[in-house]
Amino acid sequence: MRFLLASCAALLAAGSALADDAVHLSIRDHKYEPARIEVPAGVKFKLLVKNEDPTPEEFESFDLKREKVVPPGQEIAVFLGPLDAGEYKFVGDFHQDTAQGVMVAK
């Protein structure tokens, strides 16, 4: 019984790998900075999006299946992954002409 519990715990821990550091993204002048970010492939991670503009913005990505409003002067957390290696586009829904970016999972 003890072996079975230890095995289950090990499997759960291995299946929920989480990147050690959060990935940071800012919104400034209705643009993402940086506009291209690299993230770890194959693990879950936290993306912190800080809106430095005086108006709200919405982090939106059809590729990542996420959308979340970022109030002015505030920061939100978006939990993602594990992602396959590749590129994932995202936009600021309220300023799609300028707030564009790409996330590259490696």
PDB file of N, CA and C in Angstrom:
ATOM      1  N   MET A   1       0.816  -1.191   0.000  1.00  0.00           N
ATOM      2  CA  MET A   1       0.000   0.000   0.000  1.00  0.00           C
ATOM      3  C   MET A   1       0.866   1.264   0.000  1.00  0.00           C
ATOM      4  N   ARG A   2       1.913   1.267   0.844  1.00  0.00           N
ATOM      5  CA  ARG A   2       2.790   2.437   0.922  1.00  0.00           C
ATOM      6  C   ARG A   2       3.453   2.695  -0.429  1.00  0.00           C
ATOM      7  N   PHE A   3       3.864   1.615  -1.129  1.00  0.00           N
ATOM      8  CA  PHE A   3       4.485   1.738  -2.446  1.00  0.00           C
ATOM      9  C   PHE A   3       3.509   2.365  -3.438  1.00  0.00           C
ATOM     10  N   LEU A   4       2.261   1.934  -3.395  1.00  0.00           N
ATOM     11  CA  LEU A   4       1.243   2.464  -4.297  1.00  0.00           C
ATOM     12  C   LEU A   4       1.034   3.950  -4.065  1.00  0.00           C
ATOM     13  N   LEU A   5       0.942   4.382  -2.819  1.00  0.00           N
ATOM     14  CA  LEU A   5       0.769   5.807  -2.519  1.00  0.00           C
ATOM     15  C   LEU A   5       1.973   6.616  -2.975  1.00  0.00           C
ATOM     16  N   ALA A   6       3.174   6.120  -2.748  1.00  0.00           N
ATOM     17  CA  ALA A   6       4.383   6.818  -3.174  1.00  0.00           C
ATOM     18  C   ALA A   6       4.431   6.923  -4.696  1.00  0.00           C
ATOM     19  N   SER A   7       4.031   5.881  -5.399  1.00  0.00           N
ATOM     20  CA  SER A   7       4.032   5.891  -6.860  1.00  0.00           C
ATOM     21  C   SER A   7       3.033   6.910  -7.402  1.00  0.00           C
ATOM     22  N   CYS A   8       1.856   6.964  -6.810  1.00  0.00           N
ATOM     23  CA  CYS A   8       0.836   7.932  -7.229  1.00  0.00           C
ATOM     24  C   CYS A   8       1.320   9.364  -6.987  1.00  0.00           C
ATOM     25  N   ALA A   9       1.920   9.600  -5.853  1.00  0.00           N
ATOM     26  CA  ALA A   9       2.437  10.937  -5.543  1.00  0.00           C
ATOM     27  C   ALA A   9       3.518  11.344  -6.534  1.00  0.00           C
ATOM     28  N   ALA A  10       4.396  10.426  -6.901  1.00  0.00           N
ATOM     29  CA  ALA A  10       5.461  10.725  -7.863  1.00  0.00           C
ATOM     30  C   ALA A  10       4.884  11.041  -9.239  1.00  0.00           C
ATOM     31  N   LEU A  11       3.872  10.296  -9.659  1.00  0.00           N
ATOM     32  CA  LEU A  11       3.243  10.560 -10.952  1.00  0.00           C
ATOM     33  C   LEU A  11       2.553  11.917 -10.970  1.00  0.00           C
ATOM     34  N   LEU A  12       1.865  12.248  -9.908  1.00  0.00           N
ATOM     35  CA  LEU A  12       1.206  13.550  -9.842  1.00  0.00           C
ATOM     36  C   LEU A  12       2.221  14.683  -9.873  1.00  0.00           C
ATOM     37  N   ALA A  13       3.296  14.554  -9.157  1.00  0.00           N
ATOM     38  CA  ALA A  13       4.329  15.591  -9.139  1.00  0.00           C
ATOM     39  C   ALA A  13       4.961  15.744 -10.515  1.00  0.00           C
ATOM     40  N   ALA A  14       5.216  14.660 -11.204  1.00  0.00           N
ATOM     41  CA  ALA A  14       5.838  14.725 -12.527  1.00  0.00           C
ATOM     42  C   ALA A  14       4.891  15.345 -13.550  1.00  0.00           C
ATOM     43  N   GLY A  15       3.593  15.119 -13.412  1.00  0.00           N
ATOM     44  CA  GLY A  15       2.625  15.628 -14.370  1.00  0.00           C
ATOM     45  C   GLY A  15       2.269  17.086 -14.162  1.00  0.00           C
ATOM     46  N   SER A  16       2.699  17.677 -13.074  1.00  0.00           N
ATOM     47  CA  SER A  16       2.328  19.060 -12.826  1.00  0.00           C
ATOM     48  C   SER A  16       3.556  19.953 -12.730  1.00  0.00           C
ATOM     49  N   ALA A  17       4.552  19.699 -13.589  1.00  0.00           N
ATOM     50  CA  ALA A  17       5.771  20.509 -13.578  1.00  0.00           C
ATOM     51  C   ALA A  17       5.408  21.967 -13.826  1.00  0.00           C
ATOM     52  N   LEU A  18       6.013  22.845 -13.035  1.00  0.00           N
ATOM     53  CA  LEU A  18       5.749  24.276 -13.131  1.00  0.00           C
ATOM     54  C   LEU A  18       7.074  24.995 -13.263  1.00  0.00           C
ATOM     55  N   ALA A  19       7.155  25.910 -14.219  1.00  0.00           N
ATOM     56  CA  ALA A  19       8.377  26.687 -14.388  1.00  0.00           C
ATOM     57  C   ALA A  19       8.653  27.475 -13.114  1.00  0.00           C
ATOM     58  N   ASP A  20       9.926  27.605 -12.780  1.00  0.00           N
ATOM     59  CA  ASP A  20      10.328  28.285 -11.547  1.00  0.00           C
ATOM     60  C   ASP A  20      10.006  29.771 -11.544  1.00  0.00           C
ATOM     61  N   ASP A  21      10.231  30.435 -12.662  1.00  0.00           N
ATOM     62  CA  ASP A  21      10.063  31.888 -12.720  1.00  0.00           C
ATOM     63  C   ASP A  21       8.859  32.271 -13.573  1.00  0.00           C
ATOM     64  N   ALA A  22       8.195  33.342 -13.170  1.00  0.00           N
ATOM     65  CA  ALA A  22       7.095  33.885 -13.961  1.00  0.00           C
ATOM     66  C   ALA A  22       7.670  34.613 -15.173  1.00  0.00           C
ATOM     67  N   VAL A  23       6.889  34.681 -16.232  1.00  0.00           N
ATOM     68  CA  VAL A  23       7.243  35.421 -17.435  1.00  0.00           C
ATOM     69  C   VAL A  23       6.528  36.764 -17.341  1.00  0.00           C
ATOM     70  N   HIS A  24       7.260  37.857 -17.601  1.00  0.00           N
ATOM     71  CA  HIS A  24       6.706  39.206 -17.447  1.00  0.00           C
ATOM     72  C   HIS A  24       6.448  39.854 -18.801  1.00  0.00           C
ATOM     73  N   LEU A  25       5.311  40.546 -18.883  1.00  0.00           N
ATOM     74  CA  LEU A  25       4.904  41.251 -20.087  1.00  0.00           C
ATOM     75  C   LEU A  25       4.259  42.559 -19.653  1.00  0.00           C
ATOM     76  N   SER A  26       4.599  43.658 -20.326  1.00  0.00           N
ATOM     77  CA  SER A  26       4.016  44.961 -19.990  1.00  0.00           C
ATOM     78  C   SER A  26       3.219  45.505 -21.160  1.00  0.00           C
ATOM     79  N   ILE A  27       2.244  46.340 -20.826  1.00  0.00           N
ATOM     80  CA  ILE A  27       1.494  47.094 -21.827  1.00  0.00           C
ATOM     81  C   ILE A  27       1.841  48.561 -21.579  1.00  0.00           C
ATOM     82  N   ARG A  28       2.431  49.203 -22.591  1.00  0.00           N
ATOM     83  CA  ARG A  28       2.844  50.602 -22.467  1.00  0.00           C
ATOM     84  C   ARG A  28       2.582  51.289 -23.804  1.00  0.00           C
ATOM     85  N   ASP A  29       1.894  52.426 -23.783  1.00  0.00           N
ATOM     86  CA  ASP A  29       1.538  53.153 -25.008  1.00  0.00           C
ATOM     87  C   ASP A  29       0.760  52.260 -25.977  1.00  0.00           C
ATOM     88  N   HIS A  30      -0.103  51.422 -25.425  1.00  0.00           N
ATOM     89  CA  HIS A  30      -0.961  50.506 -26.201  1.00  0.00           C
ATOM     90  C   HIS A  30      -0.149  49.526 -27.038  1.00  0.00           C
ATOM     91  N   LYS A  31       1.027  49.132 -26.517  1.00  0.00           N
ATOM     92  CA  LYS A  31       1.878  48.130 -27.164  1.00  0.00           C
ATOM     93  C   LYS A  31       2.377  47.170 -26.097  1.00  0.00           C
ATOM     94  N   TYR A  32       2.643  45.927 -26.522  1.00  0.00           N
ATOM     95  CA  TYR A  32       3.241  44.953 -25.609  1.00  0.00           C
ATOM     96  C   TYR A  32       4.753  45.123 -25.612  1.00  0.00           C
ATOM     97  N   GLU A  33       5.332  45.053 -24.426  1.00  0.00           N
ATOM     98  CA  GLU A  33       6.787  45.107 -24.288  1.00  0.00           C
ATOM     99  C   GLU A  33       7.221  43.972 -23.387  1.00  0.00           C
ATOM    100  N   PRO A  34       8.041  43.084 -23.855  1.00  0.00           N
ATOM    101  CA  PRO A  34       8.485  42.962 -25.245  1.00  0.00           C
ATOM    102  C   PRO A  34       7.380  42.367 -26.114  1.00  0.00           C
ATOM    103  N   ALA A  35       7.448  42.623 -27.395  1.00  0.00           N
ATOM    104  CA  ALA A  35       6.431  42.115 -28.323  1.00  0.00           C
ATOM    105  C   ALA A  35       6.660  40.643 -28.654  1.00  0.00           C
ATOM    106  N   ARG A  36       7.852  40.141 -28.358  1.00  0.00           N
ATOM    107  CA  ARG A  36       8.179  38.727 -28.586  1.00  0.00           C
ATOM    108  C   ARG A  36       8.770  38.187 -27.290  1.00  0.00           C
ATOM    109  N   ILE A  37       8.140  37.160 -26.752  1.00  0.00           N
ATOM    110  CA  ILE A  37       8.649  36.569 -25.513  1.00  0.00           C
ATOM    111  C   ILE A  37       8.866  35.076 -25.711  1.00  0.00           C
ATOM    112  N   GLU A  38       9.881  34.571 -25.042  1.00  0.00           N
ATOM    113  CA  GLU A  38      10.164  33.141 -25.072  1.00  0.00           C
ATOM    114  C   GLU A  38       9.712  32.526 -23.759  1.00  0.00           C
ATOM    115  N   VAL A  39       9.060  31.375 -23.872  1.00  0.00           N
ATOM    116  CA  VAL A  39       8.541  30.664 -22.704  1.00  0.00           C
ATOM    117  C   VAL A  39       8.964  29.208 -22.794  1.00  0.00           C
ATOM    118  N   PRO A  40       8.951  28.514 -21.667  1.00  0.00           N
ATOM    119  CA  PRO A  40       9.344  27.100 -21.704  1.00  0.00           C
ATOM    120  C   PRO A  40       8.246  26.226 -22.310  1.00  0.00           C
ATOM    121  N   ALA A  41       8.651  25.329 -23.193  1.00  0.00           N
ATOM    122  CA  ALA A  41       7.706  24.346 -23.744  1.00  0.00           C
ATOM    123  C   ALA A  41       7.620  23.170 -22.778  1.00  0.00           C
ATOM    124  N   GLY A  42       6.453  22.568 -22.717  1.00  0.00           N
ATOM    125  CA  GLY A  42       6.295  21.336 -21.960  1.00  0.00           C
ATOM    126  C   GLY A  42       6.077  21.475 -20.469  1.00  0.00           C
ATOM    127  N   VAL A  43       5.993  22.698 -19.959  1.00  0.00           N
ATOM    128  CA  VAL A  43       5.728  22.901 -18.534  1.00  0.00           C
ATOM    129  C   VAL A  43       4.683  23.992 -18.360  1.00  0.00           C
ATOM    130  N   LYS A  44       4.014  23.966 -17.230  1.00  0.00           N
ATOM    131  CA  LYS A  44       3.081  25.038 -16.898  1.00  0.00           C
ATOM    132  C   LYS A  44       3.888  26.239 -16.418  1.00  0.00           C
ATOM    133  N   PHE A  45       3.380  27.442 -16.679  1.00  0.00           N
ATOM    134  CA  PHE A  45       4.061  28.643 -16.227  1.00  0.00           C
ATOM    135  C   PHE A  45       3.048  29.757 -15.989  1.00  0.00           C
ATOM    136  N   LYS A  46       3.523  30.782 -15.276  1.00  0.00           N
ATOM    137  CA  LYS A  46       2.674  31.933 -14.978  1.00  0.00           C
ATOM    138  C   LYS A  46       3.153  33.119 -15.796  1.00  0.00           C
ATOM    139  N   LEU A  47       2.238  33.740 -16.532  1.00  0.00           N
ATOM    140  CA  LEU A  47       2.502  34.962 -17.280  1.00  0.00           C
ATOM    141  C   LEU A  47       1.920  36.117 -16.478  1.00  0.00           C
ATOM    142  N   LEU A  48       2.752  37.092 -16.132  1.00  0.00           N
ATOM    143  CA  LEU A  48       2.296  38.293 -15.433  1.00  0.00           C
ATOM    144  C   LEU A  48       2.226  39.428 -16.440  1.00  0.00           C
ATOM    145  N   VAL A  49       1.027  39.990 -16.612  1.00  0.00           N
ATOM    146  CA  VAL A  49       0.810  41.066 -17.571  1.00  0.00           C
ATOM    147  C   VAL A  49       0.495  42.336 -16.794  1.00  0.00           C
ATOM    148  N   LYS A  50       1.358  43.352 -16.934  1.00  0.00           N
ATOM    149  CA  LYS A  50       1.176  44.620 -16.227  1.00  0.00           C
ATOM    150  C   LYS A  50       0.761  45.702 -17.212  1.00  0.00           C
ATOM    151  N   ASN A  51      -0.335  46.384 -16.899  1.00  0.00           N
ATOM    152  CA  ASN A  51      -0.830  47.469 -17.742  1.00  0.00           C
ATOM    153  C   ASN A  51      -0.330  48.797 -17.184  1.00  0.00           C
ATOM    154  N   GLU A  52       0.598  49.417 -17.880  1.00  0.00           N
ATOM    155  CA  GLU A  52       1.141  50.702 -17.455  1.00  0.00           C
ATOM    156  C   GLU A  52       0.429  51.873 -18.106  1.00  0.00           C
ATOM    157  N   ASP A  53      -0.625  51.596 -18.864  1.00  0.00           N
ATOM    158  CA  ASP A  53      -1.413  52.645 -19.509  1.00  0.00           C
ATOM    159  C   ASP A  53      -2.532  53.130 -18.591  1.00  0.00           C
ATOM    160  N   PRO A  54      -3.077  54.327 -18.881  1.00  0.00           N
ATOM    161  CA  PRO A  54      -4.168  54.861 -18.054  1.00  0.00           C
ATOM    162  C   PRO A  54      -5.547  54.317 -18.430  1.00  0.00           C
ATOM    163  N   THR A  55      -5.601  53.407 -19.392  1.00  0.00           N
ATOM    164  CA  THR A  55      -6.872  52.822 -19.833  1.00  0.00           C
ATOM    165  C   THR A  55      -6.782  51.293 -19.749  1.00  0.00           C
ATOM    166  N   PRO A  56      -7.918  50.615 -19.628  1.00  0.00           N
ATOM    167  CA  PRO A  56      -7.881  49.147 -19.567  1.00  0.00           C
ATOM    168  C   PRO A  56      -7.453  48.547 -20.902  1.00  0.00           C
ATOM    169  N   GLU A  57      -6.956  47.327 -20.823  1.00  0.00           N
ATOM    170  CA  GLU A  57      -6.617  46.547 -22.016  1.00  0.00           C
ATOM    171  C   GLU A  57      -7.034  45.109 -21.747  1.00  0.00           C
ATOM    172  N   GLU A  58      -7.245  44.363 -22.811  1.00  0.00           N
ATOM    173  CA  GLU A  58      -7.588  42.958 -22.652  1.00  0.00           C
ATOM    174  C   GLU A  58      -6.521  42.106 -23.322  1.00  0.00           C
ATOM    175  N   PHE A  59      -5.847  41.275 -22.528  1.00  0.00           N
ATOM    176  CA  PHE A  59      -4.920  40.285 -23.078  1.00  0.00           C
ATOM    177  C   PHE A  59      -5.776  39.218 -23.728  1.00  0.00           C
ATOM    178  N   GLU A  60      -5.577  39.010 -25.037  1.00  0.00           N
ATOM    179  CA  GLU A  60      -6.389  38.018 -25.736  1.00  0.00           C
ATOM    180  C   GLU A  60      -5.527  37.217 -26.698  1.00  0.00           C
ATOM    181  N   SER A  61      -5.769  35.905 -26.704  1.00  0.00           N
ATOM    182  CA  SER A  61      -5.071  35.020 -27.626  1.00  0.00           C
ATOM    183  C   SER A  61      -5.995  33.877 -28.016  1.00  0.00           C
ATOM    184  N   PHE A  62      -6.317  33.822 -29.297  1.00  0.00           N
ATOM    185  CA  PHE A  62      -7.095  32.688 -29.800  1.00  0.00           C
ATOM    186  C   PHE A  62      -6.226  31.437 -29.770  1.00  0.00           C
ATOM    187  N   ASP A  63      -4.924  31.596 -30.063  1.00  0.00           N
ATOM    188  CA  ASP A  63      -4.003  30.456 -30.064  1.00  0.00           C
ATOM    189  C   ASP A  63      -3.909  29.808 -28.683  1.00  0.00           C
ATOM    190  N   LEU A  64      -3.896  30.641 -27.641  1.00  0.00           N
ATOM    191  CA  LEU A  64      -3.761  30.152 -26.265  1.00  0.00           C
ATOM    192  C   LEU A  64      -5.108  29.931 -25.575  1.00  0.00           C
ATOM    193  N   LYS A  65      -6.189  30.350 -26.241  1.00  0.00           N
ATOM    194  CA  LYS A  65      -7.547  30.238 -25.692  1.00  0.00           C
ATOM    195  C   LYS A  65      -7.661  30.959 -24.349  1.00  0.00           C
ATOM    196  N   ARG A  66      -7.184  32.214 -24.330  1.00  0.00           N
ATOM    197  CA  ARG A  66      -7.229  33.035 -23.117  1.00  0.00           C
ATOM    198  C   ARG A  66      -7.646  34.455 -23.458  1.00  0.00           C
ATOM    199  N   GLU A  67      -8.393  35.061 -22.553  1.00  0.00           N
ATOM    200  CA  GLU A  67      -8.691  36.487 -22.613  1.00  0.00           C
ATOM    201  C   GLU A  67      -8.960  36.965 -21.197  1.00  0.00           C
ATOM    202  N   LYS A  68      -8.330  38.089 -20.866  1.00  0.00           N
ATOM    203  CA  LYS A  68      -8.466  38.604 -19.516  1.00  0.00           C
ATOM    204  C   LYS A  68      -8.204  40.107 -19.529  1.00  0.00           C
ATOM    205  N   VAL A  69      -9.099  40.877 -18.926  1.00  0.00           N
ATOM    206  CA  VAL A  69      -8.952  42.335 -18.864  1.00  0.00           C
ATOM    207  C   VAL A  69      -7.885  42.691 -17.835  1.00  0.00           C
ATOM    208  N   VAL A  70      -7.043  43.665 -18.218  1.00  0.00           N
ATOM    209  CA  VAL A  70      -5.995  44.175 -17.329  1.00  0.00           C
ATOM    210  C   VAL A  70      -6.345  45.627 -17.020  1.00  0.00           C
ATOM    211  N   PRO A  71      -6.826  45.915 -15.808  1.00  0.00           N
ATOM    212  CA  PRO A  71      -7.178  47.293 -15.462  1.00  0.00           C
ATOM    213  C   PRO A  71      -5.952  48.211 -15.516  1.00  0.00           C
ATOM    214  N   PRO A  72      -6.165  49.504 -15.720  1.00  0.00           N
ATOM    215  CA  PRO A  72      -5.029  50.429 -15.777  1.00  0.00           C
ATOM    216  C   PRO A  72      -4.230  50.419 -14.476  1.00  0.00           C
ATOM    217  N   GLY A  73      -2.901  50.388 -14.633  1.00  0.00           N
ATOM    218  CA  GLY A  73      -2.016  50.417 -13.474  1.00  0.00           C
ATOM    219  C   GLY A  73      -1.969  49.132 -12.675  1.00  0.00           C
ATOM    220  N   GLN A  74      -2.561  48.060 -13.177  1.00  0.00           N
ATOM    221  CA  GLN A  74      -2.596  46.802 -12.428  1.00  0.00           C
ATOM    222  C   GLN A  74      -1.925  45.677 -13.202  1.00  0.00           C
ATOM    223  N   GLU A  75      -1.730  44.561 -12.507  1.00  0.00           N
ATOM    224  CA  GLU A  75      -1.085  43.382 -13.079  1.00  0.00           C
ATOM    225  C   GLU A  75      -1.990  42.175 -12.862  1.00  0.00           C
ATOM    226  N   ILE A  76      -2.067  41.334 -13.878  1.00  0.00           N
ATOM    227  CA  ILE A  76      -2.852  40.106 -13.780  1.00  0.00           C
ATOM    228  C   ILE A  76      -1.934  38.900 -13.993  1.00  0.00           C
ATOM    229  N   ALA A  77      -2.369  37.764 -13.523  1.00  0.00           N
ATOM    230  CA  ALA A  77      -1.656  36.512 -13.753  1.00  0.00           C
ATOM    231  C   ALA A  77      -2.485  35.650 -14.699  1.00  0.00           C
ATOM    232  N   VAL A  78      -1.807  35.068 -15.679  1.00  0.00           N
ATOM    233  CA  VAL A  78      -2.427  34.141 -16.617  1.00  0.00           C
ATOM    234  C   VAL A  78      -1.614  32.853 -16.544  1.00  0.00           C
ATOM    235  N   PHE A  79      -2.265  31.755 -16.192  1.00  0.00           N
ATOM    236  CA  PHE A  79      -1.578  30.475 -16.084  1.00  0.00           C
ATOM    237  C   PHE A  79      -1.717  29.737 -17.411  1.00  0.00           C
ATOM    238  N   LEU A  80      -0.581  29.303 -17.943  1.00  0.00           N
ATOM    239  CA  LEU A  80      -0.551  28.678 -19.262  1.00  0.00           C
ATOM    240  C   LEU A  80       0.262  27.391 -19.232  1.00  0.00           C
ATOM    241  N   GLY A  81       0.059  26.592 -20.262  1.00  0.00           N
ATOM    242  CA  GLY A  81       0.872  25.413 -20.465  1.00  0.00           C
ATOM    243  C   GLY A  81       0.239  24.160 -19.890  1.00  0.00           C
ATOM    244  N   PRO A  82       0.944  23.085 -20.132  1.00  0.00           N
ATOM    245  CA  PRO A  82       2.172  23.014 -20.912  1.00  0.00           C
ATOM    246  C   PRO A  82       1.888  23.208 -22.403  1.00  0.00           C
ATOM    247  N   LEU A  83       2.747  23.994 -23.066  1.00  0.00           N
ATOM    248  CA  LEU A  83       2.595  24.294 -24.489  1.00  0.00           C
ATOM    249  C   LEU A  83       3.539  23.436 -25.310  1.00  0.00           C
ATOM    250  N   ASP A  84       3.083  23.080 -26.505  1.00  0.00           N
ATOM    251  CA  ASP A  84       3.976  22.446 -27.471  1.00  0.00           C
ATOM    252  C   ASP A  84       4.917  23.519 -28.009  1.00  0.00           C
ATOM    253  N   ALA A  85       6.091  23.128 -28.469  1.00  0.00           N
ATOM    254  CA  ALA A  85       7.015  24.082 -29.084  1.00  0.00           C
ATOM    255  C   ALA A  85       6.319  24.734 -30.273  1.00  0.00           C
ATOM    256  N   GLY A  86       6.484  26.038 -30.410  1.00  0.00           N
ATOM    257  CA  GLY A  86       5.849  26.758 -31.510  1.00  0.00           C
ATOM    258  C   GLY A  86       5.593  28.205 -31.150  1.00  0.00           C
ATOM    259  N   GLU A  87       4.871  28.892 -32.020  1.00  0.00           N
ATOM    260  CA  GLU A  87       4.554  30.302 -31.825  1.00  0.00           C
ATOM    261  C   GLU A  87       3.064  30.483 -31.567  1.00  0.00           C
ATOM    262  N   TYR A  88       2.753  31.389 -30.647  1.00  0.00           N
ATOM    263  CA  TYR A  88       1.380  31.664 -30.231  1.00  0.00           C
ATOM    264  C   TYR A  88       1.179  33.174 -30.237  1.00  0.00           C
ATOM    265  N   LYS A  89       0.266  33.661 -31.065  1.00  0.00           N
ATOM    266  CA  LYS A  89       0.019  35.106 -31.167  1.00  0.00           C
ATOM    267  C   LYS A  89      -0.917  35.567 -30.062  1.00  0.00           C
ATOM    268  N   PHE A  90      -0.731  36.839 -29.641  1.00  0.00           N
ATOM    269  CA  PHE A  90      -1.638  37.477 -28.700  1.00  0.00           C
ATOM    270  C   PHE A  90      -1.788  38.941 -29.078  1.00  0.00           C
ATOM    271  N   VAL A  91      -2.907  39.545 -28.661  1.00  0.00           N
ATOM    272  CA  VAL A  91      -3.189  40.954 -28.956  1.00  0.00           C
ATOM    273  C   VAL A  91      -3.792  41.618 -27.728  1.00  0.00           C
ATOM    274  N   GLY A  92      -3.788  42.942 -27.759  1.00  0.00           N
ATOM    275  CA  GLY A  92      -4.574  43.728 -26.825  1.00  0.00           C
ATOM    276  C   GLY A  92      -5.895  43.982 -27.531  1.00  0.00           C
ATOM    277  N   ASP A  93      -6.945  43.382 -27.065  1.00  0.00           N
ATOM    278  CA  ASP A  93      -8.218  43.423 -27.793  1.00  0.00           C
ATOM    279  C   ASP A  93      -8.737  44.838 -28.001  1.00  0.00           C
ATOM    280  N   PHE A  94      -8.438  45.748 -27.086  1.00  0.00           N
ATOM    281  CA  PHE A  94      -8.945  47.115 -27.205  1.00  0.00           C
ATOM    282  C   PHE A  94      -8.086  47.985 -28.119  1.00  0.00           C
ATOM    283  N   HIS A  95      -6.886  47.527 -28.475  1.00  0.00           N
ATOM    284  CA  HIS A  95      -5.978  48.267 -29.370  1.00  0.00           C
ATOM    285  C   HIS A  95      -5.259  47.268 -30.282  1.00  0.00           C
ATOM    286  N   GLN A  96      -6.047  46.525 -31.055  1.00  0.00           N
ATOM    287  CA  GLN A  96      -5.485  45.448 -31.871  1.00  0.00           C
ATOM    288  C   GLN A  96      -4.516  45.941 -32.937  1.00  0.00           C
ATOM    289  N   ASP A  97      -4.634  47.213 -33.335  1.00  0.00           N
ATOM    290  CA  ASP A  97      -3.742  47.730 -34.366  1.00  0.00           C
ATOM    291  C   ASP A  97      -2.316  47.923 -33.861  1.00  0.00           C
ATOM    292  N   THR A  98      -2.129  48.157 -32.557  1.00  0.00           N
ATOM    293  CA  THR A  98      -0.786  48.396 -32.019  1.00  0.00           C
ATOM    294  C   THR A  98      -0.348  47.358 -30.996  1.00  0.00           C
ATOM    295  N   ALA A  99      -1.257  46.805 -30.229  1.00  0.00           N
ATOM    296  CA  ALA A  99      -0.899  45.858 -29.166  1.00  0.00           C
ATOM    297  C   ALA A  99      -0.909  44.443 -29.723  1.00  0.00           C
ATOM    298  N   GLN A 100       0.230  44.043 -30.287  1.00  0.00           N
ATOM    299  CA  GLN A 100       0.359  42.720 -30.884  1.00  0.00           C
ATOM    300  C   GLN A 100       1.652  42.078 -30.397  1.00  0.00           C
ATOM    301  N   GLY A 101       1.610  40.772 -30.221  1.00  0.00           N
ATOM    302  CA  GLY A 101       2.809  40.085 -29.797  1.00  0.00           C
ATOM    303  C   GLY A 101       2.773  38.619 -30.154  1.00  0.00           C
ATOM    304  N   VAL A 102       3.903  37.968 -29.895  1.00  0.00           N
ATOM    305  CA  VAL A 102       4.008  36.535 -30.149  1.00  0.00           C
ATOM    306  C   VAL A 102       4.787  35.897 -29.003  1.00  0.00           C
ATOM    307  N   MET A 103       4.311  34.744 -28.582  1.00  0.00           N
ATOM    308  CA  MET A 103       4.944  33.951 -27.542  1.00  0.00           C
ATOM    309  C   MET A 103       5.561  32.739 -28.243  1.00  0.00           C
ATOM    310  N   VAL A 104       6.844  32.533 -28.000  1.00  0.00           N
ATOM    311  CA  VAL A 104       7.560  31.415 -28.626  1.00  0.00           C
ATOM    312  C   VAL A 104       7.897  30.395 -27.542  1.00  0.00           C
ATOM    313  N   ALA A 105       7.308  29.212 -27.659  1.00  0.00           N
ATOM    314  CA  ALA A 105       7.580  28.140 -26.703  1.00  0.00           C
ATOM    315  C   ALA A 105       8.728  27.294 -27.231  1.00  0.00           C
ATOM    316  N   LYS A 106       9.765  27.172 -26.398  1.00  0.00           N
ATOM    317  CA  LYS A 106      10.956  26.379 -26.781  1.00  0.00           C
ATOM    318  C   LYS A 106      11.212  25.310 -25.757  1.00  0.00           C
TER     319      LYS A 106
END
